[in-house]
């Protein structure tokens, strides 16, 4: 069950980096304006702006991570001595990756 929660959180994080997340934010703001315009004050605008900035940061981080991953994948494919078991490590949970890195560092040291 805990593994399902972690995978769900990862999926939510990835989903918030998609352009559709901005559409949801805009729709939320529009619905807020339609149904409760009296509560849409400066505090509410600041809240929406904070959410928008969070989505922008999430998107930039996701883009950078994907670009870095693509570069690493290419290096692993190009280097004939690279371990092939690492090519799909990005599909694992972060805790599993940390354990793998720790084990690799112990083996080299």
PDB file of N, CA and C in Angstrom:
ATOM      1  N   UNK A   1       0.823  -1.189   0.000  1.00  0.00           N
ATOM      2  CA  UNK A   1       0.000   0.000   0.000  1.00  0.00           C
ATOM      3  C   UNK A   1       0.871   1.259   0.000  1.00  0.00           C
ATOM      4  N   UNK A   2       1.960   1.251   0.799  1.00  0.00           N
ATOM      5  CA  UNK A   2       2.844   2.411   0.865  1.00  0.00           C
ATOM      6  C   UNK A   2       3.479   2.689  -0.497  1.00  0.00           C
ATOM      7  N   UNK A   3       3.794   1.622  -1.226  1.00  0.00           N
ATOM      8  CA  UNK A   3       4.373   1.771  -2.559  1.00  0.00           C
ATOM      9  C   UNK A   3       3.381   2.437  -3.504  1.00  0.00           C
ATOM     10  N   UNK A   4       2.098   2.096  -3.371  1.00  0.00           N
ATOM     11  CA  UNK A   4       1.067   2.725  -4.199  1.00  0.00           C
ATOM     12  C   UNK A   4       0.961   4.217  -3.907  1.00  0.00           C
ATOM     13  N   UNK A   5       1.088   4.601  -2.657  1.00  0.00           N
ATOM     14  CA  UNK A   5       1.022   6.009  -2.279  1.00  0.00           C
ATOM     15  C   UNK A   5       2.199   6.764  -2.896  1.00  0.00           C
ATOM     16  N   UNK A   6       3.400   6.174  -2.819  1.00  0.00           N
ATOM     17  CA  UNK A   6       4.576   6.826  -3.400  1.00  0.00           C
ATOM     18  C   UNK A   6       4.436   6.976  -4.907  1.00  0.00           C
ATOM     19  N   UNK A   7       3.949   5.952  -5.561  1.00  0.00           N
ATOM     20  CA  UNK A   7       3.756   6.035  -7.009  1.00  0.00           C
ATOM     21  C   UNK A   7       2.692   7.074  -7.357  1.00  0.00           C
ATOM     22  N   UNK A   8       1.659   7.157  -6.550  1.00  0.00           N
ATOM     23  CA  UNK A   8       0.611   8.161  -6.772  1.00  0.00           C
ATOM     24  C   UNK A   8       1.174   9.563  -6.617  1.00  0.00           C
ATOM     25  N   UNK A   9       1.995   9.770  -5.602  1.00  0.00           N
ATOM     26  CA  UNK A   9       2.609  11.085  -5.402  1.00  0.00           C
ATOM     27  C   UNK A   9       3.519  11.449  -6.568  1.00  0.00           C
ATOM     28  N   UNK A  10       4.271  10.478  -7.074  1.00  0.00           N
ATOM     29  CA  UNK A  10       5.124  10.724  -8.238  1.00  0.00           C
ATOM     30  C   UNK A  10       4.276  11.081  -9.449  1.00  0.00           C
ATOM     31  N   UNK A  11       3.172  10.373  -9.642  1.00  0.00           N
ATOM     32  CA  UNK A  11       2.279  10.661 -10.771  1.00  0.00           C
ATOM     33  C   UNK A  11       1.661  12.046 -10.646  1.00  0.00           C
ATOM     34  N   UNK A  12       1.294  12.443  -9.434  1.00  0.00           N
ATOM     35  CA  UNK A  12       0.735  13.777  -9.218  1.00  0.00           C
ATOM     36  C   UNK A  12       1.781  14.839  -9.521  1.00  0.00           C
ATOM     37  N   UNK A  13       3.011  14.620  -9.073  1.00  0.00           N
ATOM     38  CA  UNK A  13       4.087  15.566  -9.358  1.00  0.00           C
ATOM     39  C   UNK A  13       4.339  15.720 -10.842  1.00  0.00           C
ATOM     40  N   UNK A  14       4.291  14.618 -11.568  1.00  0.00           N
ATOM     41  CA  UNK A  14       4.470  14.675 -13.019  1.00  0.00           C
ATOM     42  C   UNK A  14       3.282  15.372 -13.674  1.00  0.00           C
ATOM     43  N   UNK A  15       2.089  15.098 -13.203  1.00  0.00           N
ATOM     44  CA  UNK A  15       0.887  15.716 -13.783  1.00  0.00           C
ATOM     45  C   UNK A  15       0.882  17.231 -13.589  1.00  0.00           C
ATOM     46  N   UNK A  16       1.430  17.700 -12.473  1.00  0.00           N
ATOM     47  CA  UNK A  16       1.439  19.145 -12.238  1.00  0.00           C
ATOM     48  C   UNK A  16       2.439  19.871 -13.132  1.00  0.00           C
ATOM     49  N   UNK A  17       3.277  19.129 -13.817  1.00  0.00           N
ATOM     50  CA  UNK A  17       4.223  19.766 -14.736  1.00  0.00           C
ATOM     51  C   UNK A  17       3.667  19.847 -16.152  1.00  0.00           C
ATOM     52  N   UNK A  18       2.481  19.382 -16.364  1.00  0.00           N
ATOM     53  CA  UNK A  18       1.859  19.403 -17.688  1.00  0.00           C
ATOM     54  C   UNK A  18       1.096  20.710 -17.909  1.00  0.00           C
ATOM     55  N   UNK A  19       0.954  21.130 -19.168  1.00  0.00           N
ATOM     56  CA  UNK A  19       0.190  22.354 -19.457  1.00  0.00           C
ATOM     57  C   UNK A  19      -1.259  22.292 -18.972  1.00  0.00           C
ATOM     58  N   UNK A  20      -1.820  21.107 -18.898  1.00  0.00           N
ATOM     59  CA  UNK A  20      -3.201  20.992 -18.436  1.00  0.00           C
ATOM     60  C   UNK A  20      -3.363  21.480 -16.996  1.00  0.00           C
ATOM     61  N   UNK A  21      -2.303  21.426 -16.205  1.00  0.00           N
ATOM     62  CA  UNK A  21      -2.380  21.925 -14.831  1.00  0.00           C
ATOM     63  C   UNK A  21      -2.668  23.426 -14.821  1.00  0.00           C
ATOM     64  N   UNK A  22      -2.116  24.147 -15.796  1.00  0.00           N
ATOM     65  CA  UNK A  22      -2.380  25.579 -15.889  1.00  0.00           C
ATOM     66  C   UNK A  22      -3.831  25.834 -16.283  1.00  0.00           C
ATOM     67  N   UNK A  23      -4.363  24.979 -17.145  1.00  0.00           N
ATOM     68  CA  UNK A  23      -5.770  25.109 -17.523  1.00  0.00           C
ATOM     69  C   UNK A  23      -6.683  24.876 -16.323  1.00  0.00           C
ATOM     70  N   UNK A  24      -6.318  23.922 -15.498  1.00  0.00           N
ATOM     71  CA  UNK A  24      -7.098  23.649 -14.287  1.00  0.00           C
ATOM     72  C   UNK A  24      -7.038  24.852 -13.350  1.00  0.00           C
ATOM     73  N   UNK A  25      -5.858  25.442 -13.217  1.00  0.00           N
ATOM     74  CA  UNK A  25      -5.718  26.628 -12.364  1.00  0.00           C
ATOM     75  C   UNK A  25      -6.569  27.783 -12.889  1.00  0.00           C
ATOM     76  N   UNK A  26      -6.545  28.004 -14.183  1.00  0.00           N
ATOM     77  CA  UNK A  26      -7.349  29.070 -14.782  1.00  0.00           C
ATOM     78  C   UNK A  26      -8.840  28.791 -14.591  1.00  0.00           C
ATOM     79  N   UNK A  27      -9.242  27.542 -14.800  1.00  0.00           N
ATOM     80  CA  UNK A  27     -10.649  27.175 -14.602  1.00  0.00           C
ATOM     81  C   UNK A  27     -11.056  27.376 -13.143  1.00  0.00           C
ATOM     82  N   UNK A  28     -10.169  27.015 -12.224  1.00  0.00           N
ATOM     83  CA  UNK A  28     -10.452  27.193 -10.800  1.00  0.00           C
ATOM     84  C   UNK A  28     -10.655  28.674 -10.473  1.00  0.00           C
ATOM     85  N   UNK A  29      -9.761  29.508 -10.994  1.00  0.00           N
ATOM     86  CA  UNK A  29      -9.889  30.950 -10.769  1.00  0.00           C
ATOM     87  C   UNK A  29     -11.165  31.509 -11.368  1.00  0.00           C
ATOM     88  N   UNK A  30     -11.509  31.048 -12.572  1.00  0.00           N
ATOM     89  CA  UNK A  30     -12.732  31.522 -13.224  1.00  0.00           C
ATOM     90  C   UNK A  30     -13.971  31.078 -12.447  1.00  0.00           C
ATOM     91  N   UNK A  31     -13.988  29.838 -11.998  1.00  0.00           N
ATOM     92  CA  UNK A  31     -15.128  29.353 -11.212  1.00  0.00           C
ATOM     93  C   UNK A  31     -15.226  30.097  -9.882  1.00  0.00           C
ATOM     94  N   UNK A  32     -14.103  30.404  -9.297  1.00  0.00           N
ATOM     95  CA  UNK A  32     -14.083  31.172  -8.066  1.00  0.00           C
ATOM     96  C   UNK A  32     -14.722  32.542  -8.313  1.00  0.00           C
ATOM     97  N   UNK A  33     -14.347  33.162  -9.419  1.00  0.00           N
ATOM     98  CA  UNK A  33     -14.885  34.477  -9.769  1.00  0.00           C
ATOM     99  C   UNK A  33     -16.393  34.410 -10.033  1.00  0.00           C
ATOM    100  N   UNK A  34     -16.866  33.334 -10.661  1.00  0.00           N
ATOM    101  CA  UNK A  34     -18.284  33.201 -10.983  1.00  0.00           C
ATOM    102  C   UNK A  34     -19.119  32.912  -9.739  1.00  0.00           C
ATOM    103  N   UNK A  35     -18.662  31.982  -8.889  1.00  0.00           N
ATOM    104  CA  UNK A  35     -19.495  31.532  -7.775  1.00  0.00           C
ATOM    105  C   UNK A  35     -19.300  32.329  -6.486  1.00  0.00           C
ATOM    106  N   UNK A  36     -18.118  32.877  -6.248  1.00  0.00           N
ATOM    107  CA  UNK A  36     -17.891  33.644  -5.023  1.00  0.00           C
ATOM    108  C   UNK A  36     -17.041  34.873  -5.319  1.00  0.00           C
ATOM    109  N   UNK A  37     -17.515  35.777  -6.146  1.00  0.00           N
ATOM    110  CA  UNK A  37     -16.705  36.946  -6.509  1.00  0.00           C
ATOM    111  C   UNK A  37     -16.384  37.851  -5.311  1.00  0.00           C
ATOM    112  N   UNK A  38     -17.232  37.831  -4.291  1.00  0.00           N
ATOM    113  CA  UNK A  38     -16.979  38.691  -3.131  1.00  0.00           C
ATOM    114  C   UNK A  38     -15.753  38.247  -2.339  1.00  0.00           C
ATOM    115  N   UNK A  39     -15.339  36.996  -2.464  1.00  0.00           N
ATOM    116  CA  UNK A  39     -14.156  36.515  -1.734  1.00  0.00           C
ATOM    117  C   UNK A  39     -12.889  36.586  -2.583  1.00  0.00           C
ATOM    118  N   UNK A  40     -13.014  37.007  -3.828  1.00  0.00           N
ATOM    119  CA  UNK A  40     -11.859  37.099  -4.713  1.00  0.00           C
ATOM    120  C   UNK A  40     -11.176  38.457  -4.515  1.00  0.00           C
ATOM    121  N   UNK A  41     -10.462  38.574  -3.404  1.00  0.00           N
ATOM    122  CA  UNK A  41      -9.773  39.813  -3.062  1.00  0.00           C
ATOM    123  C   UNK A  41      -8.278  39.665  -3.366  1.00  0.00           C
ATOM    124  N   UNK A  42      -7.469  40.579  -2.855  1.00  0.00           N
ATOM    125  CA  UNK A  42      -6.033  40.531  -3.109  1.00  0.00           C
ATOM    126  C   UNK A  42      -5.400  39.272  -2.536  1.00  0.00           C
ATOM    127  N   UNK A  43      -5.908  38.836  -1.411  1.00  0.00           N
ATOM    128  CA  UNK A  43      -5.384  37.610  -0.814  1.00  0.00           C
ATOM    129  C   UNK A  43      -5.626  36.419  -1.746  1.00  0.00           C
ATOM    130  N   UNK A  44      -6.796  36.343  -2.340  1.00  0.00           N
ATOM    131  CA  UNK A  44      -7.118  35.257  -3.258  1.00  0.00           C
ATOM    132  C   UNK A  44      -6.265  35.334  -4.522  1.00  0.00           C
ATOM    133  N   UNK A  45      -6.058  36.529  -5.031  1.00  0.00           N
ATOM    134  CA  UNK A  45      -5.210  36.710  -6.221  1.00  0.00           C
ATOM    135  C   UNK A  45      -3.779  36.278  -5.899  1.00  0.00           C
ATOM    136  N   UNK A  46      -3.298  36.618  -4.713  1.00  0.00           N
ATOM    137  CA  UNK A  46      -1.951  36.201  -4.306  1.00  0.00           C
ATOM    138  C   UNK A  46      -1.859  34.685  -4.206  1.00  0.00           C
ATOM    139  N   UNK A  47      -2.920  34.061  -3.721  1.00  0.00           N
ATOM    140  CA  UNK A  47      -2.951  32.606  -3.634  1.00  0.00           C
ATOM    141  C   UNK A  47      -2.887  31.980  -5.025  1.00  0.00           C
ATOM    142  N   UNK A  48      -3.679  32.485  -5.942  1.00  0.00           N
ATOM    143  CA  UNK A  48      -3.659  31.969  -7.318  1.00  0.00           C
ATOM    144  C   UNK A  48      -2.301  32.208  -7.974  1.00  0.00           C
ATOM    145  N   UNK A  49      -1.702  33.367  -7.712  1.00  0.00           N
ATOM    146  CA  UNK A  49      -0.376  33.658  -8.269  1.00  0.00           C
ATOM    147  C   UNK A  49       0.679  32.705  -7.701  1.00  0.00           C
ATOM    148  N   UNK A  50       0.560  32.390  -6.419  1.00  0.00           N
ATOM    149  CA  UNK A  50       1.486  31.440  -5.797  1.00  0.00           C
ATOM    150  C   UNK A  50       1.351  30.069  -6.428  1.00  0.00           C
ATOM    151  N   UNK A  51       0.128  29.625  -6.644  1.00  0.00           N
ATOM    152  CA  UNK A  51      -0.091  28.333  -7.309  1.00  0.00           C
ATOM    153  C   UNK A  51       0.481  28.342  -8.721  1.00  0.00           C
ATOM    154  N   UNK A  52       0.299  29.449  -9.432  1.00  0.00           N
ATOM    155  CA  UNK A  52       0.823  29.548 -10.797  1.00  0.00           C
ATOM    156  C   UNK A  52       2.350  29.471 -10.793  1.00  0.00           C
ATOM    157  N   UNK A  53       2.984  30.173  -9.867  1.00  0.00           N
ATOM    158  CA  UNK A  53       4.450  30.120  -9.781  1.00  0.00           C
ATOM    159  C   UNK A  53       4.933  28.726  -9.414  1.00  0.00           C
ATOM    160  N   UNK A  54       4.210  28.054  -8.546  1.00  0.00           N
ATOM    161  CA  UNK A  54       4.566  26.689  -8.188  1.00  0.00           C
ATOM    162  C   UNK A  54       4.506  25.787  -9.416  1.00  0.00           C
ATOM    163  N   UNK A  55       3.477  25.949 -10.221  1.00  0.00           N
ATOM    164  CA  UNK A  55       3.359  25.147 -11.441  1.00  0.00           C
ATOM    165  C   UNK A  55       4.476  25.478 -12.424  1.00  0.00           C
ATOM    166  N   UNK A  56       4.842  26.748 -12.538  1.00  0.00           N
ATOM    167  CA  UNK A  56       5.943  27.139 -13.424  1.00  0.00           C
ATOM    168  C   UNK A  56       7.262  26.521 -12.975  1.00  0.00           C
ATOM    169  N   UNK A  57       7.518  26.558 -11.684  1.00  0.00           N
ATOM    170  CA  UNK A  57       8.747  25.969 -11.151  1.00  0.00           C
ATOM    171  C   UNK A  57       8.751  24.460 -11.363  1.00  0.00           C
ATOM    172  N   UNK A  58       7.617  23.814 -11.099  1.00  0.00           N
ATOM    173  CA  UNK A  58       7.507  22.369 -11.291  1.00  0.00           C
ATOM    174  C   UNK A  58       7.763  22.007 -12.750  1.00  0.00           C
ATOM    175  N   UNK A  59       7.214  22.786 -13.662  1.00  0.00           N
ATOM    176  CA  UNK A  59       7.397  22.515 -15.094  1.00  0.00           C
ATOM    177  C   UNK A  59       8.856  22.672 -15.506  1.00  0.00           C
ATOM    178  N   UNK A  60       9.510  23.724 -15.013  1.00  0.00           N
ATOM    179  CA  UNK A  60      10.922  23.937 -15.345  1.00  0.00           C
ATOM    180  C   UNK A  60      11.794  22.810 -14.795  1.00  0.00           C
ATOM    181  N   UNK A  61      11.532  22.393 -13.572  1.00  0.00           N
ATOM    182  CA  UNK A  61      12.296  21.293 -12.991  1.00  0.00           C
ATOM    183  C   UNK A  61      12.061  19.998 -13.751  1.00  0.00           C
ATOM    184  N   UNK A  62      10.828  19.749 -14.149  1.00  0.00           N
ATOM    185  CA  UNK A  62      10.513  18.532 -14.898  1.00  0.00           C
ATOM    186  C   UNK A  62      11.229  18.539 -16.253  1.00  0.00           C
ATOM    187  N   UNK A  63      11.226  19.703 -16.927  1.00  0.00           N
ATOM    188  CA  UNK A  63      11.914  19.823 -18.214  1.00  0.00           C
ATOM    189  C   UNK A  63      13.404  19.549 -18.045  1.00  0.00           C
ATOM    190  N   UNK A  64      14.022  20.151 -17.029  1.00  0.00           N
ATOM    191  CA  UNK A  64      15.448  19.959 -16.792  1.00  0.00           C
ATOM    192  C   UNK A  64      15.773  18.501 -16.477  1.00  0.00           C
ATOM    193  N   UNK A  65      14.936  17.883 -15.673  1.00  0.00           N
ATOM    194  CA  UNK A  65      15.142  16.481 -15.321  1.00  0.00           C
ATOM    195  C   UNK A  65      15.028  15.581 -16.550  1.00  0.00           C
ATOM    196  N   UNK A  66      14.023  15.832 -17.382  1.00  0.00           N
ATOM    197  CA  UNK A  66      13.848  15.022 -18.583  1.00  0.00           C
ATOM    198  C   UNK A  66      15.012  15.206 -19.554  1.00  0.00           C
ATOM    199  N   UNK A  67      15.504  16.438 -19.692  1.00  0.00           N
ATOM    200  CA  UNK A  67      16.647  16.687 -20.575  1.00  0.00           C
ATOM    201  C   UNK A  67      17.896  15.988 -20.055  1.00  0.00           C
ATOM    202  N   UNK A  68      18.137  16.076 -18.767  1.00  0.00           N
ATOM    203  CA  UNK A  68      19.284  15.410 -18.173  1.00  0.00           C
ATOM    204  C   UNK A  68      19.178  13.900 -18.330  1.00  0.00           C
ATOM    205  N   UNK A  69      17.982  13.368 -18.123  1.00  0.00           N
ATOM    206  CA  UNK A  69      17.772  11.930 -18.271  1.00  0.00           C
ATOM    207  C   UNK A  69      18.036  11.480 -19.707  1.00  0.00           C
ATOM    208  N   UNK A  70      17.588  12.259 -20.681  1.00  0.00           N
ATOM    209  CA  UNK A  70      17.829  11.913 -22.086  1.00  0.00           C
ATOM    210  C   UNK A  70      19.324  11.903 -22.398  1.00  0.00           C
ATOM    211  N   UNK A  71      20.052  12.866 -21.866  1.00  0.00           N
ATOM    212  CA  UNK A  71      21.497  12.916 -22.083  1.00  0.00           C
ATOM    213  C   UNK A  71      22.185  11.708 -21.456  1.00  0.00           C
ATOM    214  N   UNK A  72      21.777  11.377 -20.239  1.00  0.00           N
ATOM    215  CA  UNK A  72      22.374  10.213 -19.574  1.00  0.00           C
ATOM    216  C   UNK A  72      22.040   8.921 -20.305  1.00  0.00           C
ATOM    217  N   UNK A  73      20.805   8.800 -20.776  1.00  0.00           N
ATOM    218  CA  UNK A  73      20.429   7.615 -21.547  1.00  0.00           C
ATOM    219  C   UNK A  73      21.317   7.461 -22.771  1.00  0.00           C
ATOM    220  N   UNK A  74      21.583   8.577 -23.448  1.00  0.00           N
ATOM    221  CA  UNK A  74      22.439   8.538 -24.636  1.00  0.00           C
ATOM    222  C   UNK A  74      23.864   8.123 -24.272  1.00  0.00           C
ATOM    223  N   UNK A  75      24.382   8.642 -23.169  1.00  0.00           N
ATOM    224  CA  UNK A  75      25.723   8.254 -22.729  1.00  0.00           C
ATOM    225  C   UNK A  75      25.787   6.770 -22.385  1.00  0.00           C
ATOM    226  N   UNK A  76      24.768   6.256 -21.720  1.00  0.00           N
ATOM    227  CA  UNK A  76      24.738   4.838 -21.385  1.00  0.00           C
ATOM    228  C   UNK A  76      24.680   3.969 -22.643  1.00  0.00           C
ATOM    229  N   UNK A  77      23.926   4.417 -23.632  1.00  0.00           N
ATOM    230  CA  UNK A  77      23.850   3.652 -24.885  1.00  0.00           C
ATOM    231  C   UNK A  77      25.172   3.702 -25.648  1.00  0.00           C
ATOM    232  N   UNK A  78      25.854   4.837 -25.593  1.00  0.00           N
ATOM    233  CA  UNK A  78      27.077   5.019 -26.370  1.00  0.00           C
ATOM    234  C   UNK A  78      28.292   4.334 -25.734  1.00  0.00           C
ATOM    235  N   UNK A  79      28.293   4.213 -24.433  1.00  0.00           N
ATOM    236  CA  UNK A  79      29.450   3.636 -23.737  1.00  0.00           C
ATOM    237  C   UNK A  79      29.272   2.124 -23.641  1.00  0.00           C
ATOM    238  N   UNK A  80      30.161   1.389 -24.259  1.00  0.00           N
ATOM    239  CA  UNK A  80      30.003  -0.065 -24.327  1.00  0.00           C
ATOM    240  C   UNK A  80      30.291  -0.774 -23.005  1.00  0.00           C
ATOM    241  N   UNK A  81      30.902  -0.104 -22.031  1.00  0.00           N
ATOM    242  CA  UNK A  81      31.148  -0.739 -20.738  1.00  0.00           C
ATOM    243  C   UNK A  81      30.107  -0.360 -19.680  1.00  0.00           C
ATOM    244  N   UNK A  82      29.102   0.410 -20.060  1.00  0.00           N
ATOM    245  CA  UNK A  82      28.065   0.826 -19.111  1.00  0.00           C
ATOM    246  C   UNK A  82      27.210  -0.375 -18.712  1.00  0.00           C
ATOM    247  N   UNK A  83      26.771  -0.373 -17.469  1.00  0.00           N
ATOM    248  CA  UNK A  83      25.906  -1.446 -16.985  1.00  0.00           C
ATOM    249  C   UNK A  83      24.506  -1.236 -17.532  1.00  0.00           C
ATOM    250  N   UNK A  84      23.968  -2.243 -18.174  1.00  0.00           N
ATOM    251  CA  UNK A  84      22.643  -2.117 -18.774  1.00  0.00           C
ATOM    252  C   UNK A  84      21.524  -2.135 -17.736  1.00  0.00           C
ATOM    253  N   UNK A  85      21.798  -2.602 -16.525  1.00  0.00           N
ATOM    254  CA  UNK A  85      20.745  -2.620 -15.506  1.00  0.00           C
ATOM    255  C   UNK A  85      20.394  -1.208 -15.022  1.00  0.00           C
ATOM    256  N   UNK A  86      21.210  -0.235 -15.351  1.00  0.00           N
ATOM    257  CA  UNK A  86      20.924   1.138 -14.951  1.00  0.00           C
ATOM    258  C   UNK A  86      20.089   1.900 -15.969  1.00  0.00           C
ATOM    259  N   UNK A  87      19.859   1.348 -17.128  1.00  0.00           N
ATOM    260  CA  UNK A  87      19.141   2.086 -18.162  1.00  0.00           C
ATOM    261  C   UNK A  87      17.693   2.381 -17.790  1.00  0.00           C
ATOM    262  N   UNK A  88      17.104   1.592 -16.931  1.00  0.00           N
ATOM    263  CA  UNK A  88      15.702   1.810 -16.546  1.00  0.00           C
ATOM    264  C   UNK A  88      15.563   2.172 -15.064  1.00  0.00           C
ATOM    265  N   UNK A  89      16.634   2.678 -14.475  1.00  0.00           N
ATOM    266  CA  UNK A  89      16.592   3.018 -13.052  1.00  0.00           C
ATOM    267  C   UNK A  89      15.632   4.166 -12.767  1.00  0.00           C
ATOM    268  N   UNK A  90      15.372   5.014 -13.774  1.00  0.00           N
ATOM    269  CA  UNK A  90      14.461   6.141 -13.579  1.00  0.00           C
ATOM    270  C   UNK A  90      13.016   5.699 -13.380  1.00  0.00           C
ATOM    271  N   UNK A  91      12.730   4.451 -13.614  1.00  0.00           N
ATOM    272  CA  UNK A  91      11.375   3.943 -13.401  1.00  0.00           C
ATOM    273  C   UNK A  91      11.168   3.471 -11.959  1.00  0.00           C
ATOM    274  N   UNK A  92      12.225   3.442 -11.188  1.00  0.00           N
ATOM    275  CA  UNK A  92      12.134   3.022  -9.782  1.00  0.00           C
ATOM    276  C   UNK A  92      11.736   4.194  -8.894  1.00  0.00           C
ATOM    277  N   UNK A  93      11.416   3.872  -7.675  1.00  0.00           N
ATOM    278  CA  UNK A  93      11.078   4.890  -6.682  1.00  0.00           C
ATOM    279  C   UNK A  93      12.365   5.547  -6.186  1.00  0.00           C
ATOM    280  N   UNK A  94      12.283   6.808  -5.748  1.00  0.00           N
ATOM    281  CA  UNK A  94      13.491   7.526  -5.309  1.00  0.00           C
ATOM    282  C   UNK A  94      14.273   6.799  -4.211  1.00  0.00           C
ATOM    283  N   UNK A  95      13.580   6.161  -3.292  1.00  0.00           N
ATOM    284  CA  UNK A  95      14.268   5.443  -2.219  1.00  0.00           C
ATOM    285  C   UNK A  95      15.069   4.262  -2.759  1.00  0.00           C
ATOM    286  N   UNK A  96      14.535   3.598  -3.768  1.00  0.00           N
ATOM    287  CA  UNK A  96      15.261   2.488  -4.385  1.00  0.00           C
ATOM    288  C   UNK A  96      16.513   2.990  -5.098  1.00  0.00           C
ATOM    289  N   UNK A  97      16.407   4.135  -5.747  1.00  0.00           N
ATOM    290  CA  UNK A  97      17.557   4.713  -6.446  1.00  0.00           C
ATOM    291  C   UNK A  97      18.644   5.094  -5.445  1.00  0.00           C
ATOM    292  N   UNK A  98      18.251   5.669  -4.310  1.00  0.00           N
ATOM    293  CA  UNK A  98      19.220   6.023  -3.267  1.00  0.00           C
ATOM    294  C   UNK A  98      19.931   4.774  -2.749  1.00  0.00           C
ATOM    295  N   UNK A  99      19.188   3.695  -2.533  1.00  0.00           N
ATOM    296  CA  UNK A  99      19.808   2.452  -2.071  1.00  0.00           C
ATOM    297  C   UNK A  99      20.796   1.928  -3.105  1.00  0.00           C
ATOM    298  N   UNK A 100      20.439   2.015  -4.388  1.00  0.00           N
ATOM    299  CA  UNK A 100      21.320   1.568  -5.466  1.00  0.00           C
ATOM    300  C   UNK A 100      22.603   2.402  -5.479  1.00  0.00           C
ATOM    301  N   UNK A 101      22.464   3.718  -5.361  1.00  0.00           N
ATOM    302  CA  UNK A 101      23.636   4.598  -5.357  1.00  0.00           C
ATOM    303  C   UNK A 101      24.538   4.310  -4.158  1.00  0.00           C
ATOM    304  N   UNK A 102      23.940   4.090  -2.993  1.00  0.00           N
ATOM    305  CA  UNK A 102      24.723   3.789  -1.794  1.00  0.00           C
ATOM    306  C   UNK A 102      25.480   2.484  -1.972  1.00  0.00           C
ATOM    307  N   UNK A 103      24.810   1.478  -2.499  1.00  0.00           N
ATOM    308  CA  UNK A 103      25.455   0.186  -2.730  1.00  0.00           C
ATOM    309  C   UNK A 103      26.590   0.307  -3.740  1.00  0.00           C
ATOM    310  N   UNK A 104      26.391   1.090  -4.796  1.00  0.00           N
ATOM    311  CA  UNK A 104      27.424   1.292  -5.810  1.00  0.00           C
ATOM    312  C   UNK A 104      28.637   2.026  -5.234  1.00  0.00           C
ATOM    313  N   UNK A 105      28.375   3.023  -4.376  1.00  0.00           N
ATOM    314  CA  UNK A 105      29.476   3.776  -3.763  1.00  0.00           C
ATOM    315  C   UNK A 105      30.276   2.902  -2.815  1.00  0.00           C
ATOM    316  N   UNK A 106      29.630   2.015  -2.092  1.00  0.00           N
ATOM    317  CA  UNK A 106      30.332   1.104  -1.197  1.00  0.00           C
ATOM    318  C   UNK A 106      31.179   0.122  -1.982  1.00  0.00           C
ATOM    319  N   UNK A 107      30.648  -0.307  -3.133  1.00  0.00           N
ATOM    320  CA  UNK A 107      31.375  -1.262  -3.967  1.00  0.00           C
ATOM    321  C   UNK A 107      32.609  -0.669  -4.622  1.00  0.00           C
ATOM    322  N   UNK A 108      32.616   0.643  -4.865  1.00  0.00           N
ATOM    323  CA  UNK A 108      33.747   1.294  -5.522  1.00  0.00           C
ATOM    324  C   UNK A 108      34.809   1.757  -4.526  1.00  0.00           C
ATOM    325  N   UNK A 109      34.364   2.026  -3.288  1.00  0.00           N
ATOM    326  CA  UNK A 109      35.271   2.611  -2.291  1.00  0.00           C
ATOM    327  C   UNK A 109      36.101   1.639  -1.630  1.00  0.00           C
TER     328      UNK A 109
END
